[in-house]
């Protein structure tokens, strides 16, 4: 499965579940930087109020060093970070939080 396909599945799941998680972008345009370098493809708040970041990857995809650094920052601040290669990774990660 490609990264784009994983992202589409995650987007659909988030909508169906009514979660306050949204697609995020980072980059640079016209000399202005936006977003946080390495941040998740999706970020938001869980019903508990806890911050969540989701990084989507296609088959064989790997995190960049910036993404690993961002993951570390999220976890150090008691946030949730899910590295998702499939929709099942999201479902499993969110189910684990409900236990």
PDB file of N, CA and C in Angstrom:
ATOM      1  N   UNK A   1       0.841  -1.173   0.000  1.00  0.00           N
ATOM      2  CA  UNK A   1       0.000   0.000   0.000  1.00  0.00           C
ATOM      3  C   UNK A   1       0.894   1.246   0.000  1.00  0.00           C
ATOM      4  N   UNK A   2       0.542   2.232  -0.790  1.00  0.00           N
ATOM      5  CA  UNK A   2       1.333   3.461  -0.857  1.00  0.00           C
ATOM      6  C   UNK A   2       1.002   4.377   0.317  1.00  0.00           C
ATOM      7  N   UNK A   3       1.861   5.345   0.558  1.00  0.00           N
ATOM      8  CA  UNK A   3       1.610   6.311   1.630  1.00  0.00           C
ATOM      9  C   UNK A   3       0.317   7.083   1.377  1.00  0.00           C
ATOM     10  N   UNK A   4       0.068   7.444   0.139  1.00  0.00           N
ATOM     11  CA  UNK A   4      -1.172   8.164  -0.197  1.00  0.00           C
ATOM     12  C   UNK A   4      -2.402   7.336   0.131  1.00  0.00           C
ATOM     13  N   UNK A   5      -2.350   6.051  -0.155  1.00  0.00           N
ATOM     14  CA  UNK A   5      -3.487   5.165   0.151  1.00  0.00           C
ATOM     15  C   UNK A   5      -3.699   5.047   1.656  1.00  0.00           C
ATOM     16  N   UNK A   6      -2.606   4.932   2.398  1.00  0.00           N
ATOM     17  CA  UNK A   6      -2.703   4.868   3.862  1.00  0.00           C
ATOM     18  C   UNK A   6      -3.327   6.158   4.392  1.00  0.00           C
ATOM     19  N   UNK A   7      -2.889   7.292   3.873  1.00  0.00           N
ATOM     20  CA  UNK A   7      -3.414   8.581   4.324  1.00  0.00           C
ATOM     21  C   UNK A   7      -4.909   8.721   4.009  1.00  0.00           C
ATOM     22  N   UNK A   8      -5.333   8.249   2.853  1.00  0.00           N
ATOM     23  CA  UNK A   8      -6.761   8.307   2.508  1.00  0.00           C
ATOM     24  C   UNK A   8      -7.589   7.454   3.460  1.00  0.00           C
ATOM     25  N   UNK A   9      -7.105   6.276   3.798  1.00  0.00           N
ATOM     26  CA  UNK A   9      -7.817   5.403   4.730  1.00  0.00           C
ATOM     27  C   UNK A   9      -7.893   6.036   6.117  1.00  0.00           C
ATOM     28  N   UNK A  10      -6.801   6.618   6.562  1.00  0.00           N
ATOM     29  CA  UNK A  10      -6.771   7.274   7.868  1.00  0.00           C
ATOM     30  C   UNK A  10      -7.755   8.444   7.884  1.00  0.00           C
ATOM     31  N   UNK A  11      -7.749   9.255   6.838  1.00  0.00           N
ATOM     32  CA  UNK A  11      -8.664  10.408   6.745  1.00  0.00           C
ATOM     33  C   UNK A  11     -10.116   9.963   6.837  1.00  0.00           C
ATOM     34  N   UNK A  12     -10.460   8.914   6.119  1.00  0.00           N
ATOM     35  CA  UNK A  12     -11.835   8.416   6.134  1.00  0.00           C
ATOM     36  C   UNK A  12     -12.206   7.902   7.527  1.00  0.00           C
ATOM     37  N   UNK A  13     -11.311   7.188   8.154  1.00  0.00           N
ATOM     38  CA  UNK A  13     -11.562   6.634   9.485  1.00  0.00           C
ATOM     39  C   UNK A  13     -11.768   7.747  10.512  1.00  0.00           C
ATOM     40  N   UNK A  14     -10.928   8.769  10.450  1.00  0.00           N
ATOM     41  CA  UNK A  14     -11.032   9.904  11.367  1.00  0.00           C
ATOM     42  C   UNK A  14     -12.396  10.579  11.224  1.00  0.00           C
ATOM     43  N   UNK A  15     -12.844  10.772   9.979  1.00  0.00           N
ATOM     44  CA  UNK A  15     -14.151  11.393   9.738  1.00  0.00           C
ATOM     45  C   UNK A  15     -15.276  10.548  10.313  1.00  0.00           C
ATOM     46  N   UNK A  16     -15.244   9.244  10.045  1.00  0.00           N
ATOM     47  CA  UNK A  16     -16.297   8.339  10.528  1.00  0.00           C
ATOM     48  C   UNK A  16     -16.348   8.340  12.056  1.00  0.00           C
ATOM     49  N   UNK A  17     -15.186   8.349  12.685  1.00  0.00           N
ATOM     50  CA  UNK A  17     -15.109   8.318  14.144  1.00  0.00           C
ATOM     51  C   UNK A  17     -15.399   9.681  14.779  1.00  0.00           C
ATOM     52  N   UNK A  18     -15.407  10.746  13.981  1.00  0.00           N
ATOM     53  CA  UNK A  18     -15.679  12.081  14.494  1.00  0.00           C
ATOM     54  C   UNK A  18     -14.572  12.614  15.395  1.00  0.00           C
ATOM     55  N   UNK A  19     -13.347  12.185  15.136  1.00  0.00           N
ATOM     56  CA  UNK A  19     -12.212  12.611  15.954  1.00  0.00           C
ATOM     57  C   UNK A  19     -11.731  13.997  15.556  1.00  0.00           C
ATOM     58  N   UNK A  20     -11.198  14.719  16.516  1.00  0.00           N
ATOM     59  CA  UNK A  20     -10.653  16.053  16.258  1.00  0.00           C
ATOM     60  C   UNK A  20      -9.181  15.918  15.879  1.00  0.00           C
ATOM     61  N   UNK A  21      -8.964  15.264  14.771  1.00  0.00           N
ATOM     62  CA  UNK A  21      -7.631  15.042  14.221  1.00  0.00           C
ATOM     63  C   UNK A  21      -7.678  15.531  12.784  1.00  0.00           C
ATOM     64  N   UNK A  22      -6.664  16.266  12.370  1.00  0.00           N
ATOM     65  CA  UNK A  22      -6.695  16.872  11.044  1.00  0.00           C
ATOM     66  C   UNK A  22      -5.355  16.712  10.345  1.00  0.00           C
ATOM     67  N   UNK A  23      -5.385  16.844   9.047  1.00  0.00           N
ATOM     68  CA  UNK A  23      -4.201  16.737   8.194  1.00  0.00           C
ATOM     69  C   UNK A  23      -3.338  17.961   8.398  1.00  0.00           C
ATOM     70  N   UNK A  24      -2.047  17.754   8.582  1.00  0.00           N
ATOM     71  CA  UNK A  24      -1.126  18.872   8.761  1.00  0.00           C
ATOM     72  C   UNK A  24      -0.063  18.852   7.674  1.00  0.00           C
ATOM     73  N   UNK A  25       0.437  20.010   7.362  1.00  0.00           N
ATOM     74  CA  UNK A  25       1.494  20.146   6.361  1.00  0.00           C
ATOM     75  C   UNK A  25       2.609  21.009   6.918  1.00  0.00           C
ATOM     76  N   UNK A  26       3.790  20.757   6.451  1.00  0.00           N
ATOM     77  CA  UNK A  26       4.918  21.616   6.769  1.00  0.00           C
ATOM     78  C   UNK A  26       5.626  21.951   5.464  1.00  0.00           C
ATOM     79  N   UNK A  27       6.353  23.024   5.482  1.00  0.00           N
ATOM     80  CA  UNK A  27       7.091  23.380   4.274  1.00  0.00           C
ATOM     81  C   UNK A  27       7.541  24.814   4.284  1.00  0.00           C
ATOM     82  N   UNK A  28       7.774  25.297   3.086  1.00  0.00           N
ATOM     83  CA  UNK A  28       8.264  26.660   2.918  1.00  0.00           C
ATOM     84  C   UNK A  28       7.686  27.195   1.608  1.00  0.00           C
ATOM     85  N   UNK A  29       7.145  28.394   1.679  1.00  0.00           N
ATOM     86  CA  UNK A  29       6.598  29.025   0.484  1.00  0.00           C
ATOM     87  C   UNK A  29       6.868  30.518   0.553  1.00  0.00           C
ATOM     88  N   UNK A  30       7.434  31.039  -0.495  1.00  0.00           N
ATOM     89  CA  UNK A  30       7.697  32.473  -0.555  1.00  0.00           C
ATOM     90  C   UNK A  30       8.594  32.964   0.565  1.00  0.00           C
ATOM     91  N   UNK A  31       9.531  32.141   0.982  1.00  0.00           N
ATOM     92  CA  UNK A  31      10.456  32.539   2.037  1.00  0.00           C
ATOM     93  C   UNK A  31       9.896  32.399   3.446  1.00  0.00           C
ATOM     94  N   UNK A  32       8.662  31.896   3.560  1.00  0.00           N
ATOM     95  CA  UNK A  32       8.036  31.730   4.869  1.00  0.00           C
ATOM     96  C   UNK A  32       7.890  30.243   5.171  1.00  0.00           C
ATOM     97  N   UNK A  33       8.391  29.829   6.333  1.00  0.00           N
ATOM     98  CA  UNK A  33       8.254  28.440   6.755  1.00  0.00           C
ATOM     99  C   UNK A  33       6.956  28.286   7.535  1.00  0.00           C
ATOM    100  N   UNK A  34       6.327  27.124   7.423  1.00  0.00           N
ATOM    101  CA  UNK A  34       5.114  26.861   8.192  1.00  0.00           C
ATOM    102  C   UNK A  34       5.146  25.427   8.700  1.00  0.00           C
ATOM    103  N   UNK A  35       4.476  25.223   9.812  1.00  0.00           N
ATOM    104  CA  UNK A  35       4.456  23.908  10.437  1.00  0.00           C
ATOM    105  C   UNK A  35       5.735  23.652  11.214  1.00  0.00           C
ATOM    106  N   UNK A  36       5.780  22.497  11.853  1.00  0.00           N
ATOM    107  CA  UNK A  36       6.957  22.071  12.614  1.00  0.00           C
ATOM    108  C   UNK A  36       7.642  20.970  11.816  1.00  0.00           C
ATOM    109  N   UNK A  37       8.904  21.165  11.529  1.00  0.00           N
ATOM    110  CA  UNK A  37       9.657  20.204  10.731  1.00  0.00           C
ATOM    111  C   UNK A  37       9.585  18.809  11.374  1.00  0.00           C
ATOM    112  N   UNK A  38       9.173  17.827  10.587  1.00  0.00           N
ATOM    113  CA  UNK A  38       9.087  16.457  11.073  1.00  0.00           C
ATOM    114  C   UNK A  38       7.771  16.103  11.733  1.00  0.00           C
ATOM    115  N   UNK A  39       6.841  17.060  11.812  1.00  0.00           N
ATOM    116  CA  UNK A  39       5.572  16.786  12.492  1.00  0.00           C
ATOM    117  C   UNK A  39       4.778  15.711  11.757  1.00  0.00           C
ATOM    118  N   UNK A  40       3.820  15.117  12.465  1.00  0.00           N
ATOM    119  CA  UNK A  40       3.006  14.043  11.902  1.00  0.00           C
ATOM    120  C   UNK A  40       2.156  14.525  10.736  1.00  0.00           C
ATOM    121  N   UNK A  41       1.720  13.584   9.927  1.00  0.00           N
ATOM    122  CA  UNK A  41       0.822  13.903   8.816  1.00  0.00           C
ATOM    123  C   UNK A  41      -0.550  14.334   9.326  1.00  0.00           C
ATOM    124  N   UNK A  42      -0.909  13.838  10.508  1.00  0.00           N
ATOM    125  CA  UNK A  42      -2.165  14.177  11.161  1.00  0.00           C
ATOM    126  C   UNK A  42      -1.860  14.542  12.606  1.00  0.00           C
ATOM    127  N   UNK A  43      -2.516  15.570  13.111  1.00  0.00           N
ATOM    128  CA  UNK A  43      -2.375  15.945  14.513  1.00  0.00           C
ATOM    129  C   UNK A  43      -3.735  16.335  15.054  1.00  0.00           C
ATOM    130  N   UNK A  44      -3.864  16.316  16.359  1.00  0.00           N
ATOM    131  CA  UNK A  44      -5.127  16.730  16.954  1.00  0.00           C
ATOM    132  C   UNK A  44      -5.215  16.391  18.421  1.00  0.00           C
ATOM    133  N   UNK A  45      -6.464  16.379  18.902  1.00  0.00           N
ATOM    134  CA  UNK A  45      -6.742  16.063  20.293  1.00  0.00           C
ATOM    135  C   UNK A  45      -7.684  14.878  20.368  1.00  0.00           C
ATOM    136  N   UNK A  46      -7.393  14.003  21.308  1.00  0.00           N
ATOM    137  CA  UNK A  46      -8.274  12.876  21.581  1.00  0.00           C
ATOM    138  C   UNK A  46      -9.375  13.332  22.541  1.00  0.00           C
ATOM    139  N   UNK A  47     -10.460  12.578  22.674  1.00  0.00           N
ATOM    140  CA  UNK A  47     -11.516  12.963  23.616  1.00  0.00           C
ATOM    141  C   UNK A  47     -11.000  13.193  25.046  1.00  0.00           C
ATOM    142  N   UNK A  48      -9.912  12.549  25.402  1.00  0.00           N
ATOM    143  CA  UNK A  48      -9.307  12.727  26.731  1.00  0.00           C
ATOM    144  C   UNK A  48      -8.582  14.064  26.865  1.00  0.00           C
ATOM    145  N   UNK A  49      -8.396  14.764  25.739  1.00  0.00           N
ATOM    146  CA  UNK A  49      -7.651  16.011  25.734  1.00  0.00           C
ATOM    147  C   UNK A  49      -6.180  15.815  25.427  1.00  0.00           C
ATOM    148  N   UNK A  50      -5.773  14.572  25.232  1.00  0.00           N
ATOM    149  CA  UNK A  50      -4.370  14.265  24.958  1.00  0.00           C
ATOM    150  C   UNK A  50      -4.042  14.557  23.488  1.00  0.00           C
ATOM    151  N   UNK A  51      -2.862  15.140  23.264  1.00  0.00           N
ATOM    152  CA  UNK A  51      -2.375  15.444  21.923  1.00  0.00           C
ATOM    153  C   UNK A  51      -2.013  14.138  21.216  1.00  0.00           C
ATOM    154  N   UNK A  52      -2.334  14.053  19.931  1.00  0.00           N
ATOM    155  CA  UNK A  52      -1.956  12.885  19.129  1.00  0.00           C
ATOM    156  C   UNK A  52      -1.339  13.342  17.812  1.00  0.00           C
ATOM    157  N   UNK A  53      -0.304  12.637  17.401  1.00  0.00           N
ATOM    158  CA  UNK A  53       0.315  12.843  16.090  1.00  0.00           C
ATOM    159  C   UNK A  53       0.375  11.486  15.404  1.00  0.00           C
ATOM    160  N   UNK A  54       0.040  11.468  14.126  1.00  0.00           N
ATOM    161  CA  UNK A  54       0.071  10.241  13.337  1.00  0.00           C
ATOM    162  C   UNK A  54       0.953  10.477  12.123  1.00  0.00           C
ATOM    163  N   UNK A  55       1.932   9.619  11.945  1.00  0.00           N
ATOM    164  CA  UNK A  55       2.796   9.665  10.764  1.00  0.00           C
ATOM    165  C   UNK A  55       2.435   8.475   9.885  1.00  0.00           C
ATOM    166  N   UNK A  56       1.985   8.740   8.673  1.00  0.00           N
ATOM    167  CA  UNK A  56       1.616   7.686   7.724  1.00  0.00           C
ATOM    168  C   UNK A  56       2.813   7.332   6.860  1.00  0.00           C
ATOM    169  N   UNK A  57       2.989   6.046   6.642  1.00  0.00           N
ATOM    170  CA  UNK A  57       4.061   5.561   5.778  1.00  0.00           C
ATOM    171  C   UNK A  57       3.522   4.466   4.878  1.00  0.00           C
ATOM    172  N   UNK A  58       4.023   4.438   3.673  1.00  0.00           N
ATOM    173  CA  UNK A  58       3.692   3.357   2.759  1.00  0.00           C
ATOM    174  C   UNK A  58       4.584   2.158   3.033  1.00  0.00           C
ATOM    175  N   UNK A  59       4.311   1.103   2.338  1.00  0.00           N
ATOM    176  CA  UNK A  59       5.099  -0.122   2.498  1.00  0.00           C
ATOM    177  C   UNK A  59       6.585   0.183   2.310  1.00  0.00           C
ATOM    178  N   UNK A  60       7.382  -0.187   3.287  1.00  0.00           N
ATOM    179  CA  UNK A  60       8.824   0.035   3.219  1.00  0.00           C
ATOM    180  C   UNK A  60       9.267   1.440   3.586  1.00  0.00           C
ATOM    181  N   UNK A  61       8.314   2.315   3.934  1.00  0.00           N
ATOM    182  CA  UNK A  61       8.662   3.686   4.289  1.00  0.00           C
ATOM    183  C   UNK A  61       9.402   3.759   5.617  1.00  0.00           C
ATOM    184  N   UNK A  62      10.232   4.776   5.748  1.00  0.00           N
ATOM    185  CA  UNK A  62      11.012   4.965   6.974  1.00  0.00           C
ATOM    186  C   UNK A  62      10.895   6.416   7.428  1.00  0.00           C
ATOM    187  N   UNK A  63      10.958   6.620   8.725  1.00  0.00           N
ATOM    188  CA  UNK A  63      10.932   7.968   9.279  1.00  0.00           C
ATOM    189  C   UNK A  63      12.249   8.684   8.988  1.00  0.00           C
ATOM    190  N   UNK A  64      12.133   9.980   8.710  1.00  0.00           N
ATOM    191  CA  UNK A  64      13.331  10.810   8.605  1.00  0.00           C
ATOM    192  C   UNK A  64      13.823  11.110  10.022  1.00  0.00           C
ATOM    193  N   UNK A  65      15.023  11.645  10.138  1.00  0.00           N
ATOM    194  CA  UNK A  65      15.535  12.009  11.464  1.00  0.00           C
ATOM    195  C   UNK A  65      14.668  13.091  12.092  1.00  0.00           C
ATOM    196  N   UNK A  66      14.170  14.043  11.291  1.00  0.00           N
ATOM    197  CA  UNK A  66      13.276  15.084  11.814  1.00  0.00           C
ATOM    198  C   UNK A  66      11.998  14.464  12.376  1.00  0.00           C
ATOM    199  N   UNK A  67      11.472  13.449  11.708  1.00  0.00           N
ATOM    200  CA  UNK A  67      10.261  12.776  12.189  1.00  0.00           C
ATOM    201  C   UNK A  67      10.530  12.017  13.487  1.00  0.00           C
ATOM    202  N   UNK A  68      11.675  11.387  13.585  1.00  0.00           N
ATOM    203  CA  UNK A  68      12.048  10.703  14.829  1.00  0.00           C
ATOM    204  C   UNK A  68      12.196  11.702  15.965  1.00  0.00           C
ATOM    205  N   UNK A  69      12.801  12.850  15.675  1.00  0.00           N
ATOM    206  CA  UNK A  69      12.956  13.895  16.693  1.00  0.00           C
ATOM    207  C   UNK A  69      11.592  14.408  17.152  1.00  0.00           C
ATOM    208  N   UNK A  70      10.675  14.596  16.206  1.00  0.00           N
ATOM    209  CA  UNK A  70       9.338  15.065  16.549  1.00  0.00           C
ATOM    210  C   UNK A  70       8.627  14.025  17.412  1.00  0.00           C
ATOM    211  N   UNK A  71       8.733  12.756  17.041  1.00  0.00           N
ATOM    212  CA  UNK A  71       8.126  11.679  17.828  1.00  0.00           C
ATOM    213  C   UNK A  71       8.637  11.723  19.271  1.00  0.00           C
ATOM    214  N   UNK A  72       9.929  11.889  19.424  1.00  0.00           N
ATOM    215  CA  UNK A  72      10.537  11.947  20.759  1.00  0.00           C
ATOM    216  C   UNK A  72       9.970  13.123  21.563  1.00  0.00           C
ATOM    217  N   UNK A  73       9.816  14.272  20.923  1.00  0.00           N
ATOM    218  CA  UNK A  73       9.263  15.452  21.607  1.00  0.00           C
ATOM    219  C   UNK A  73       7.822  15.220  22.033  1.00  0.00           C
ATOM    220  N   UNK A  74       7.028  14.601  21.160  1.00  0.00           N
ATOM    221  CA  UNK A  74       5.628  14.308  21.495  1.00  0.00           C
ATOM    222  C   UNK A  74       5.567  13.387  22.705  1.00  0.00           C
ATOM    223  N   UNK A  75       6.335  12.311  22.674  1.00  0.00           N
ATOM    224  CA  UNK A  75       6.308  11.337  23.761  1.00  0.00           C
ATOM    225  C   UNK A  75       6.829  11.931  25.070  1.00  0.00           C
ATOM    226  N   UNK A  76       7.857  12.771  25.018  1.00  0.00           N
ATOM    227  CA  UNK A  76       8.392  13.424  26.223  1.00  0.00           C
ATOM    228  C   UNK A  76       7.364  14.350  26.864  1.00  0.00           C
ATOM    229  N   UNK A  77       6.418  14.833  26.062  1.00  0.00           N
ATOM    230  CA  UNK A  77       5.384  15.734  26.556  1.00  0.00           C
ATOM    231  C   UNK A  77       4.055  15.019  26.786  1.00  0.00           C
ATOM    232  N   UNK A  78       4.125  13.703  26.981  1.00  0.00           N
ATOM    233  CA  UNK A  78       2.963  12.867  27.300  1.00  0.00           C
ATOM    234  C   UNK A  78       1.915  12.825  26.195  1.00  0.00           C
ATOM    235  N   UNK A  79       2.334  13.049  24.963  1.00  0.00           N
ATOM    236  CA  UNK A  79       1.433  12.925  23.829  1.00  0.00           C
ATOM    237  C   UNK A  79       1.451  11.501  23.293  1.00  0.00           C
ATOM    238  N   UNK A  80       0.602  11.260  22.329  1.00  0.00           N
ATOM    239  CA  UNK A  80       0.507   9.962  21.658  1.00  0.00           C
ATOM    240  C   UNK A  80       1.072  10.128  20.254  1.00  0.00           C
ATOM    241  N   UNK A  81       1.875   9.178  19.828  1.00  0.00           N
ATOM    242  CA  UNK A  81       2.443   9.188  18.477  1.00  0.00           C
ATOM    243  C   UNK A  81       2.217   7.805  17.889  1.00  0.00           C
ATOM    244  N   UNK A  82       1.600   7.774  16.720  1.00  0.00           N
ATOM    245  CA  UNK A  82       1.372   6.503  16.035  1.00  0.00           C
ATOM    246  C   UNK A  82       2.069   6.556  14.679  1.00  0.00           C
ATOM    247  N   UNK A  83       2.935   5.597  14.444  1.00  0.00           N
ATOM    248  CA  UNK A  83       3.560   5.413  13.137  1.00  0.00           C
ATOM    249  C   UNK A  83       2.706   4.379  12.422  1.00  0.00           C
ATOM    250  N   UNK A  84       2.010   4.795  11.376  1.00  0.00           N
ATOM    251  CA  UNK A  84       1.005   3.947  10.739  1.00  0.00           C
ATOM    252  C   UNK A  84       1.395   3.537   9.325  1.00  0.00           C
ATOM    253  N   UNK A  85       1.493   2.242   9.134  1.00  0.00           N
ATOM    254  CA  UNK A  85       1.721   1.671   7.802  1.00  0.00           C
ATOM    255  C   UNK A  85       0.407   1.170   7.206  1.00  0.00           C
ATOM    256  N   UNK A  86      -0.644   1.182   8.030  1.00  0.00           N
ATOM    257  CA  UNK A  86      -1.963   0.734   7.583  1.00  0.00           C
ATOM    258  C   UNK A  86      -3.024   1.301   8.518  1.00  0.00           C
ATOM    259  N   UNK A  87      -4.261   1.195   8.120  1.00  0.00           N
ATOM    260  CA  UNK A  87      -5.371   1.618   8.966  1.00  0.00           C
ATOM    261  C   UNK A  87      -5.405   0.795  10.247  1.00  0.00           C
ATOM    262  N   UNK A  88      -4.998  -0.459  10.173  1.00  0.00           N
ATOM    263  CA  UNK A  88      -4.979  -1.315  11.358  1.00  0.00           C
ATOM    264  C   UNK A  88      -4.066  -0.754  12.443  1.00  0.00           C
ATOM    265  N   UNK A  89      -2.965  -0.127  12.059  1.00  0.00           N
ATOM    266  CA  UNK A  89      -2.073   0.484  13.048  1.00  0.00           C
ATOM    267  C   UNK A  89      -2.801   1.576  13.827  1.00  0.00           C
ATOM    268  N   UNK A  90      -3.642   2.343  13.146  1.00  0.00           N
ATOM    269  CA  UNK A  90      -4.419   3.403  13.801  1.00  0.00           C
ATOM    270  C   UNK A  90      -5.462   2.780  14.721  1.00  0.00           C
ATOM    271  N   UNK A  91      -6.199   1.819  14.202  1.00  0.00           N
ATOM    272  CA  UNK A  91      -7.232   1.168  15.014  1.00  0.00           C
ATOM    273  C   UNK A  91      -6.621   0.539  16.259  1.00  0.00           C
ATOM    274  N   UNK A  92      -5.512  -0.154  16.096  1.00  0.00           N
ATOM    275  CA  UNK A  92      -4.851  -0.794  17.241  1.00  0.00           C
ATOM    276  C   UNK A  92      -4.338   0.254  18.229  1.00  0.00           C
ATOM    277  N   UNK A  93      -3.726   1.308  17.719  1.00  0.00           N
ATOM    278  CA  UNK A  93      -3.198   2.357  18.589  1.00  0.00           C
ATOM    279  C   UNK A  93      -4.289   3.057  19.390  1.00  0.00           C
ATOM    280  N   UNK A  94      -5.413   3.334  18.755  1.00  0.00           N
ATOM    281  CA  UNK A  94      -6.497   3.996  19.454  1.00  0.00           C
ATOM    282  C   UNK A  94      -7.210   3.052  20.408  1.00  0.00           C
ATOM    283  N   UNK A  95      -7.339   1.785  20.032  1.00  0.00           N
ATOM    284  CA  UNK A  95      -7.953   0.786  20.919  1.00  0.00           C
ATOM    285  C   UNK A  95      -7.115   0.618  22.173  1.00  0.00           C
ATOM    286  N   UNK A  96      -5.806   0.611  22.023  1.00  0.00           N
ATOM    287  CA  UNK A  96      -4.920   0.477  23.181  1.00  0.00           C
ATOM    288  C   UNK A  96      -5.134   1.624  24.173  1.00  0.00           C
ATOM    289  N   UNK A  97      -5.478   2.801  23.678  1.00  0.00           N
ATOM    290  CA  UNK A  97      -5.709   3.952  24.546  1.00  0.00           C
ATOM    291  C   UNK A  97      -6.994   3.812  25.346  1.00  0.00           C
ATOM    292  N   UNK A  98      -7.962   3.081  24.798  1.00  0.00           N
ATOM    293  CA  UNK A  98      -9.259   2.928  25.454  1.00  0.00           C
ATOM    294  C   UNK A  98      -9.230   1.903  26.575  1.00  0.00           C
ATOM    295  N   UNK A  99      -8.170   1.101  26.668  1.00  0.00           N
ATOM    296  CA  UNK A  99      -8.081   0.045  27.675  1.00  0.00           C
ATOM    297  C   UNK A  99      -7.732   0.604  29.028  1.00  0.00           C
TER     298      UNK A  99
END
